[in-house]
Amino acid sequence: MPDKLRIAYFVHSIRSDWNNGNAHFLRGLIREFGARGHEAVVFEPRNEWSIENLLTEPEGDAALVKFHQAYPELRIQLYESENIANVAIWHRLLDDFDIVIAHEWNPAALAHTLLQLRKELGYKLLFHDTHHRASSSPEQIRLLGVDCFDGVVAFGEALRDIYRSRWGMHDVWTLHEAADTKLFQPLSGVPKSQDVVWIGNWGDEERSQQIREFILGPASLMPERRFAIYGVRYPSDALDALKALKVEYRGYLPNLGAPCVYAASRLTVHIPRQQYVQAMTGIPTIRVFEALACGIPLVSAPWSDTEGLFREGDFMFVSDGEAMRSAIARLLDDPAEAQEQALRGRETVLARHTCAHRAAELEAICREVLA
């Protein structure tokens, strides 16, 4: 087995984070994998919906520039979508890789091309799943031929169990998301411009009721507090509701701008999608790791930390909208308690949940697969 591993990683996009939270973690993960002395090349289509939507945003071009400045180490190979099934092209590009990893936001045609070439080139093929479709839309995952891959890397034990129990796959590993703490850290000297901030997309009605209960409800009862929301794909009725409550909607936020927004806020909230409360318990989104890494107090709507990723006191859990309002008021009225919680949450992230931790875990998975 080689000391230096060569990995080809296929993504929908790592350049654009427009409605693409997967890019947050993958950027840091792949950079840290390289920092361990390995070689990783990211393959992504030149033009797909995330990058196309990003470029319609007023700050889209600037977001791309800042991404390349923040991650100069990443090797990104762009390809034309019409070449997905061109075996000759991929035979040349993938020669001499040890491991090929396909993220779950890739088309079925690409997955089948990678499966076909595996026999000829001899690499191991892994599927990296950081979503809930294996539970909510298994037919979409089945189209990818995942059961023929050499293994699955899942972002939580609940998802790992789904692949093992429902799909009959033995080689499944858990690799949680984590914060890129080289970029996500507390910033000093930033004036506070809002009391409560939430960074999150509307999400196809997957948490629309929760947004109303845990953001709009408390905001309606706390008119003296400044609430702000960042995100995309908010329907007109949601925007009207925010406007009526004087919750400031600020639209798309490049993820690299999140540390500054958190520094300008007194606390943040977490609202999980329904799938992560029900069928796939125990899996927080990347925003939890990133917010805690930035040293901001966090109040979370209900979900079950079944894997013990965090310690009691890293952030506050609440059961309903009224409890959210009460928790927000408590932390805003007691800066010392808020600061203590923020320090504790960041301490846990630094000890357990950085991209450097995950890169070491990914290396161990790859070596196990190759062995």
Protein backbone atom coordinates (compact mmCIF):
# COMPACT_ATOMS: atom_id res chain seq x y z
CA MET A 1 0.00 0.00 0.00
CA PRO A 2 1.47 3.40 -0.95
CA ASP A 3 2.36 5.90 1.77
CA LYS A 4 1.00 8.70 -0.39
CA LEU A 5 -2.59 8.13 -1.44
CA ARG A 6 -4.08 9.54 -4.65
CA ILE A 7 -7.78 10.34 -4.52
CA ALA A 8 -10.12 11.58 -7.24
CA TYR A 9 -13.14 13.24 -5.69
CA PHE A 10 -16.26 13.91 -7.81
CA VAL A 11 -18.59 16.67 -6.62
CA HIS A 12 -21.50 18.66 -7.96
CA SER A 13 -19.55 21.78 -7.05
CA ILE A 14 -16.87 22.74 -4.59
CA ARG A 15 -16.48 26.23 -6.06
CA SER A 16 -20.08 27.25 -5.42
CA ASP A 17 -21.92 27.02 -2.11
CA TRP A 18 -25.23 28.40 -3.47
CA ASN A 19 -27.80 26.04 -1.88
CA ASN A 20 -24.90 23.61 -1.67
CA GLY A 21 -23.91 23.15 1.96
CA ASN A 22 -21.84 20.12 1.03
CA ALA A 23 -19.20 22.43 -0.38
CA HIS A 24 -18.53 23.89 3.09
CA PHE A 25 -17.20 20.66 4.56
CA LEU A 26 -15.63 19.23 1.42
CA ARG A 27 -13.42 22.26 0.91
CA GLY A 28 -11.82 21.89 4.30
CA LEU A 29 -11.76 18.09 4.23
CA ILE A 30 -9.92 17.86 0.93
CA ARG A 31 -7.47 20.61 1.88
CA GLU A 32 -6.64 18.83 5.13
CA PHE A 33 -6.29 15.52 3.30
CA GLY A 34 -3.63 17.16 1.16
CA ALA A 35 -1.98 18.61 4.25
CA ARG A 36 -1.45 15.03 5.43
CA GLY A 37 0.83 14.44 2.44
CA HIS A 38 -1.68 12.89 0.06
CA GLU A 39 -2.88 13.97 -3.36
CA ALA A 40 -6.51 14.83 -4.01
CA VAL A 41 -7.99 16.10 -7.26
CA VAL A 42 -11.54 17.45 -7.31
CA PHE A 43 -13.58 16.84 -10.46
CA GLU A 44 -16.65 18.97 -11.00
CA PRO A 45 -18.75 20.04 -14.01
CA ARG A 46 -17.95 23.42 -15.46
CA ASN A 47 -21.58 24.52 -15.50
CA GLU A 48 -24.33 23.13 -13.27
CA TRP A 49 -27.19 24.63 -11.30
CA SER A 50 -25.25 25.68 -8.19
CA ILE A 51 -22.55 27.58 -10.05
CA GLU A 52 -25.11 29.01 -12.48
CA ASN A 53 -27.31 30.32 -9.66
CA LEU A 54 -24.29 31.70 -7.82
CA LEU A 55 -23.37 33.80 -10.82
CA THR A 56 -26.82 35.39 -10.85
CA GLU A 57 -26.16 36.80 -7.36
CA PRO A 58 -24.77 40.36 -7.19
CA GLU A 59 -21.73 39.10 -5.25
CA GLY A 60 -21.40 35.82 -7.14
CA ASP A 61 -18.23 36.66 -9.07
CA ALA A 62 -16.62 38.03 -5.91
CA ALA A 63 -17.57 34.87 -4.02
CA LEU A 64 -15.71 32.76 -6.58
CA VAL A 65 -12.63 34.97 -6.32
CA LYS A 66 -12.66 34.74 -2.52
CA PHE A 67 -13.05 30.97 -2.68
CA HIS A 68 -9.92 30.58 -4.80
CA GLN A 69 -8.04 32.96 -2.52
CA ALA A 70 -9.08 31.02 0.58
CA TYR A 71 -8.33 27.58 -0.87
CA PRO A 72 -5.34 27.95 -3.22
CA GLU A 73 -4.23 24.39 -2.37
CA LEU A 74 -7.26 22.72 -3.93
CA ARG A 75 -6.71 21.10 -7.31
CA ILE A 76 -9.93 21.38 -9.29
CA GLN A 77 -10.40 19.73 -12.67
CA LEU A 78 -13.42 21.10 -14.53
CA TYR A 79 -15.18 18.94 -17.11
CA GLU A 80 -18.01 19.37 -19.58
CA SER A 81 -21.25 17.66 -18.55
CA GLU A 82 -21.71 16.18 -22.01
CA ASN A 83 -18.52 14.14 -21.44
CA ILE A 84 -19.88 12.26 -18.41
CA ALA A 85 -20.18 8.97 -20.30
CA ASN A 86 -17.03 9.40 -22.42
CA VAL A 87 -15.03 6.44 -21.18
CA ALA A 88 -11.93 7.34 -23.18
CA ILE A 89 -11.62 10.75 -21.51
CA TRP A 90 -12.10 9.38 -18.01
CA HIS A 91 -9.73 6.47 -18.68
CA ARG A 92 -6.98 9.02 -19.29
CA LEU A 93 -7.88 11.32 -16.39
CA LEU A 94 -8.33 8.61 -13.74
CA ASP A 95 -5.33 6.49 -14.54
CA ASP A 96 -3.11 5.89 -11.48
CA PHE A 97 -5.61 6.93 -8.77
CA ASP A 98 -5.89 4.67 -5.74
CA ILE A 99 -9.37 5.74 -4.66
CA VAL A 100 -12.23 7.41 -6.51
CA ILE A 101 -14.96 8.98 -4.36
CA ALA A 102 -18.30 10.03 -5.83
CA HIS A 103 -20.41 12.41 -3.77
CA GLU A 104 -24.13 11.72 -3.80
CA TRP A 105 -24.94 14.88 -5.78
CA ASN A 106 -23.61 13.35 -9.00
CA PRO A 107 -25.70 12.03 -11.92
CA ALA A 108 -26.30 8.33 -12.43
CA ALA A 109 -24.51 8.36 -15.79
CA LEU A 110 -21.28 9.45 -14.13
CA ALA A 111 -21.61 6.79 -11.42
CA HIS A 112 -21.99 4.06 -14.03
CA THR A 113 -19.00 5.36 -15.97
CA LEU A 114 -16.89 5.20 -12.80
CA LEU A 115 -18.13 1.68 -12.09
CA GLN A 116 -17.20 0.58 -15.62
CA LEU A 117 -13.71 2.07 -15.43
CA ARG A 118 -13.00 0.56 -12.01
CA LYS A 119 -12.61 -2.86 -13.64
CA GLU A 120 -10.05 -1.52 -16.10
CA LEU A 121 -8.06 0.87 -13.88
CA GLY A 122 -8.20 -1.03 -10.60
CA TYR A 123 -9.09 1.82 -8.26
CA LYS A 124 -11.46 1.42 -5.33
CA LEU A 125 -14.77 3.28 -5.67
CA LEU A 126 -16.51 4.86 -2.67
CA PHE A 127 -19.82 6.67 -2.38
CA HIS A 128 -19.93 9.68 -0.02
CA ASP A 129 -23.45 10.40 1.22
CA THR A 130 -24.17 13.64 3.10
CA HIS A 131 -27.92 13.82 2.52
CA HIS A 132 -31.13 11.98 3.39
CA ARG A 133 -32.16 10.53 0.03
CA ALA A 134 -31.15 6.97 0.97
CA SER A 135 -34.03 7.18 3.42
CA SER A 136 -36.45 9.64 1.81
CA SER A 137 -35.92 8.81 -1.91
CA PRO A 138 -34.08 5.48 -2.09
CA GLU A 139 -35.04 4.99 -5.72
CA GLN A 140 -32.85 7.96 -6.65
CA ILE A 141 -29.84 6.47 -4.88
CA ARG A 142 -30.52 3.04 -6.38
CA LEU A 143 -30.18 4.54 -9.87
CA LEU A 144 -26.54 5.29 -9.04
CA GLY A 145 -25.69 1.61 -8.55
CA VAL A 146 -24.36 2.27 -5.06
CA ASP A 147 -24.72 -1.38 -4.06
CA CYS A 148 -21.95 -2.13 -6.58
CA PHE A 149 -19.50 0.35 -5.06
CA ASP A 150 -16.65 -0.81 -2.83
CA GLY A 151 -18.20 1.00 0.13
CA VAL A 152 -20.17 3.96 1.42
CA VAL A 153 -18.98 6.84 3.56
CA ALA A 154 -22.03 8.17 5.45
CA PHE A 155 -22.26 11.37 7.49
CA GLY A 156 -23.97 9.78 10.47
CA GLU A 157 -24.64 6.48 12.19
CA ALA A 158 -28.34 6.62 11.29
CA LEU A 159 -27.46 6.79 7.59
CA ARG A 160 -24.81 4.09 8.01
CA ASP A 161 -27.46 1.82 9.54
CA ILE A 162 -29.78 2.46 6.58
CA TYR A 163 -27.15 1.27 4.12
CA ARG A 164 -26.43 -1.79 6.22
CA SER A 165 -29.98 -2.82 7.12
CA ARG A 166 -31.96 -1.76 4.04
CA TRP A 167 -29.32 -2.07 1.36
CA GLY A 168 -27.41 -5.06 2.74
CA MET A 169 -24.04 -3.33 2.41
CA HIS A 170 -21.29 -4.36 4.81
CA ASP A 171 -18.54 -1.84 4.03
CA VAL A 172 -20.07 1.37 5.34
CA TRP A 173 -18.21 3.93 7.43
CA THR A 174 -19.32 7.01 9.34
CA LEU A 175 -17.61 10.30 8.58
CA HIS A 176 -19.33 13.25 10.23
CA GLU A 177 -19.12 16.72 8.83
CA ALA A 178 -16.91 19.21 10.66
CA ALA A 179 -15.75 22.81 10.72
CA ASP A 180 -12.84 24.21 8.77
CA THR A 181 -11.30 25.91 11.78
CA LYS A 182 -8.62 27.58 9.71
CA LEU A 183 -11.38 29.90 8.50
CA PHE A 184 -14.22 29.47 10.98
CA GLN A 185 -13.04 31.10 14.19
CA PRO A 186 -14.01 34.04 16.41
CA LEU A 187 -13.32 37.49 14.97
CA SER A 188 -12.59 40.45 17.22
CA GLY A 189 -13.43 44.07 16.67
CA VAL A 190 -16.65 43.46 14.71
CA PRO A 191 -19.52 45.67 15.97
CA LYS A 192 -22.78 43.90 16.79
CA SER A 193 -25.41 44.68 14.15
CA GLN A 194 -28.07 42.15 15.16
CA ASP A 195 -29.15 40.19 18.21
CA VAL A 196 -30.21 36.94 16.52
CA VAL A 197 -29.08 35.57 13.17
CA TRP A 198 -30.06 32.47 11.29
CA ILE A 199 -28.16 31.31 8.21
CA GLY A 200 -30.17 28.74 6.32
CA ASN A 201 -32.12 28.07 3.14
CA TRP A 202 -35.87 27.57 2.94
CA GLY A 203 -35.40 23.97 1.83
CA ASP A 204 -38.37 22.65 -0.18
CA GLU A 205 -40.84 22.80 2.70
CA GLU A 206 -38.59 20.46 4.74
CA ARG A 207 -38.56 22.90 7.65
CA SER A 208 -40.94 25.70 6.69
CA GLN A 209 -43.17 25.09 9.71
CA GLN A 210 -40.13 24.98 11.99
CA ILE A 211 -38.89 28.31 10.60
CA ARG A 212 -42.24 29.84 11.39
CA GLU A 213 -42.27 28.40 14.91
CA PHE A 214 -38.66 28.90 15.95
CA ILE A 215 -37.79 32.15 14.12
CA LEU A 216 -40.93 34.03 13.19
CA GLY A 217 -42.73 33.18 16.42
CA PRO A 218 -40.02 34.49 18.76
CA ALA A 219 -39.44 37.52 16.50
CA SER A 220 -43.13 38.45 16.73
CA LEU A 221 -42.92 38.42 20.53
CA MET A 222 -39.61 40.30 20.73
CA PRO A 223 -40.04 43.39 18.53
CA GLU A 224 -37.29 45.18 20.45
CA ARG A 225 -34.71 42.60 19.30
CA ARG A 226 -32.97 42.67 15.93
CA PHE A 227 -33.43 39.45 13.92
CA ALA A 228 -31.69 38.75 10.59
CA ILE A 229 -31.87 35.82 8.16
CA TYR A 230 -29.54 34.81 5.34
CA GLY A 231 -30.36 32.14 2.75
CA VAL A 232 -31.88 31.43 -0.64
CA ARG A 233 -35.05 30.02 -2.17
CA TYR A 234 -37.43 31.84 0.17
CA PRO A 235 -40.93 31.99 -1.39
CA SER A 236 -42.82 35.27 -1.59
CA ASP A 237 -45.17 34.46 1.29
CA ALA A 238 -42.19 33.77 3.56
CA LEU A 239 -40.54 37.05 2.55
CA ASP A 240 -43.80 38.88 3.23
CA ALA A 241 -43.97 37.34 6.70
CA LEU A 242 -40.39 38.37 7.46
CA LYS A 243 -41.07 41.91 6.30
CA ALA A 244 -44.22 42.17 8.41
CA LEU A 245 -42.26 41.14 11.51
CA LYS A 246 -39.34 43.44 10.64
CA VAL A 247 -37.01 40.45 10.39
CA GLU A 248 -34.30 41.58 8.01
CA TYR A 249 -33.85 39.20 5.08
CA ARG A 250 -30.40 39.54 3.53
CA GLY A 251 -30.44 36.84 0.87
CA TYR A 252 -27.47 34.75 -0.23
CA LEU A 253 -24.43 34.72 2.03
CA PRO A 254 -21.18 33.23 0.72
CA ASN A 255 -20.12 30.74 3.36
CA LEU A 256 -16.74 32.41 3.69
CA GLY A 257 -18.63 35.45 4.98
CA ALA A 258 -20.30 33.52 7.81
CA PRO A 259 -17.56 34.11 10.44
CA CYS A 260 -17.98 37.88 10.07
CA VAL A 261 -21.79 37.61 10.27
CA TYR A 262 -21.55 35.46 13.40
CA ALA A 263 -19.12 37.96 14.94
CA ALA A 264 -21.66 40.73 14.28
CA SER A 265 -24.43 38.75 16.01
CA ARG A 266 -25.08 38.08 19.67
CA LEU A 267 -26.43 34.56 19.12
CA THR A 268 -27.58 32.17 16.40
CA VAL A 269 -30.15 29.41 16.11
CA HIS A 270 -30.24 25.98 14.50
CA ILE A 271 -33.33 24.63 12.73
CA PRO A 272 -32.87 21.05 11.44
CA ARG A 273 -34.73 19.66 8.46
CA GLN A 274 -37.50 17.19 9.27
CA GLN A 275 -35.52 14.17 8.04
CA TYR A 276 -32.83 14.79 10.66
CA VAL A 277 -35.41 14.91 13.41
CA GLN A 278 -37.26 11.77 12.34
CA ALA A 279 -35.73 9.09 10.10
CA MET A 280 -32.09 10.17 10.45
CA THR A 281 -31.69 11.29 14.02
CA GLY A 282 -28.35 12.34 15.43
CA ILE A 283 -27.05 14.17 12.35
CA PRO A 284 -26.58 17.95 12.74
CA THR A 285 -25.98 20.15 9.74
CA ILE A 286 -22.62 21.72 8.99
CA ARG A 287 -23.91 25.04 10.35
CA VAL A 288 -23.81 23.75 13.94
CA PHE A 289 -20.11 22.88 13.69
CA GLU A 290 -19.27 26.14 11.95
CA ALA A 291 -21.24 28.36 14.32
CA LEU A 292 -19.68 26.79 17.41
CA ALA A 293 -16.23 27.09 15.82
CA CYS A 294 -16.88 30.82 15.45
CA GLY A 295 -17.58 31.12 19.16
CA ILE A 296 -21.19 32.27 19.03
CA PRO A 297 -23.90 31.08 21.44
CA LEU A 298 -26.37 28.77 19.74
CA VAL A 299 -29.96 27.74 20.53
CA SER A 300 -31.27 24.68 18.70
CA ALA A 301 -34.74 23.49 17.77
CA PRO A 302 -35.32 19.81 18.68
CA TRP A 303 -33.14 16.99 17.41
CA SER A 304 -31.52 14.06 19.22
CA ASP A 305 -27.74 13.95 19.61
CA THR A 306 -27.85 10.16 19.68
CA GLU A 307 -24.13 9.82 18.93
CA GLY A 308 -22.96 12.14 21.68
CA LEU A 309 -21.19 14.51 19.30
CA PHE A 310 -21.54 17.38 21.75
CA ARG A 311 -21.39 17.90 25.49
CA GLU A 312 -24.17 19.23 27.62
CA GLY A 313 -23.81 22.98 27.68
CA ASP A 314 -22.17 23.34 24.27
CA PHE A 315 -25.44 24.91 23.14
CA MET A 316 -29.07 25.05 24.29
CA PHE A 317 -31.79 22.65 23.13
CA VAL A 318 -35.39 23.91 23.18
CA SER A 319 -38.63 22.01 22.66
CA ASP A 320 -40.92 24.59 21.06
CA GLY A 321 -41.26 28.18 19.93
CA GLU A 322 -41.98 29.57 23.38
CA ALA A 323 -38.92 27.81 24.80
CA MET A 324 -36.89 29.29 21.93
CA ARG A 325 -38.11 32.78 22.80
CA SER A 326 -37.26 32.22 26.46
CA ALA A 327 -33.78 30.87 25.68
CA ILE A 328 -33.01 33.78 23.34
CA ALA A 329 -34.10 36.29 25.98
CA ARG A 330 -32.07 34.53 28.66
CA LEU A 331 -28.82 34.55 26.67
CA LEU A 332 -29.28 38.11 25.45
CA ASP A 333 -29.93 39.29 29.01
CA ASP A 334 -26.97 37.36 30.46
CA PRO A 335 -23.82 38.00 28.38
CA ALA A 336 -21.67 36.06 30.86
CA GLU A 337 -23.71 32.88 30.43
CA ALA A 338 -23.75 33.38 26.68
CA GLN A 339 -19.97 33.76 26.61
CA GLU A 340 -19.45 30.69 28.77
CA GLN A 341 -21.60 28.61 26.45
CA ALA A 342 -19.82 29.93 23.36
CA LEU A 343 -16.39 29.07 24.79
CA ARG A 344 -17.54 25.57 25.72
CA GLY A 345 -19.02 24.88 22.29
CA ARG A 346 -15.88 26.02 20.50
CA GLU A 347 -13.75 23.90 22.84
CA THR A 348 -15.71 20.80 21.81
CA VAL A 349 -15.35 21.56 18.10
CA LEU A 350 -11.60 22.07 18.39
CA ALA A 351 -11.23 18.83 20.33
CA ARG A 352 -13.42 16.60 18.14
CA HIS A 353 -14.91 18.17 15.03
CA THR A 354 -12.39 19.87 12.76
CA CYS A 355 -11.69 19.07 9.13
CA ALA A 356 -8.25 17.89 10.25
CA HIS A 357 -9.94 15.25 12.42
CA ARG A 358 -12.07 14.11 9.48
CA ALA A 359 -9.14 14.00 7.05
CA ALA A 360 -7.37 11.58 9.41
CA GLU A 361 -10.54 9.47 9.57
CA LEU A 362 -10.90 9.50 5.78
CA GLU A 363 -7.30 8.37 5.40
CA ALA A 364 -7.97 5.45 7.75
CA ILE A 365 -11.06 4.50 5.73
CA CYS A 366 -9.13 4.62 2.46
CA ARG A 367 -6.34 2.45 3.85
CA GLU A 368 -8.87 -0.07 5.11
CA VAL A 369 -10.52 -0.22 1.70
CA LEU A 370 -7.19 -0.68 -0.07
CA ALA A 371 -6.13 -3.37 2.38
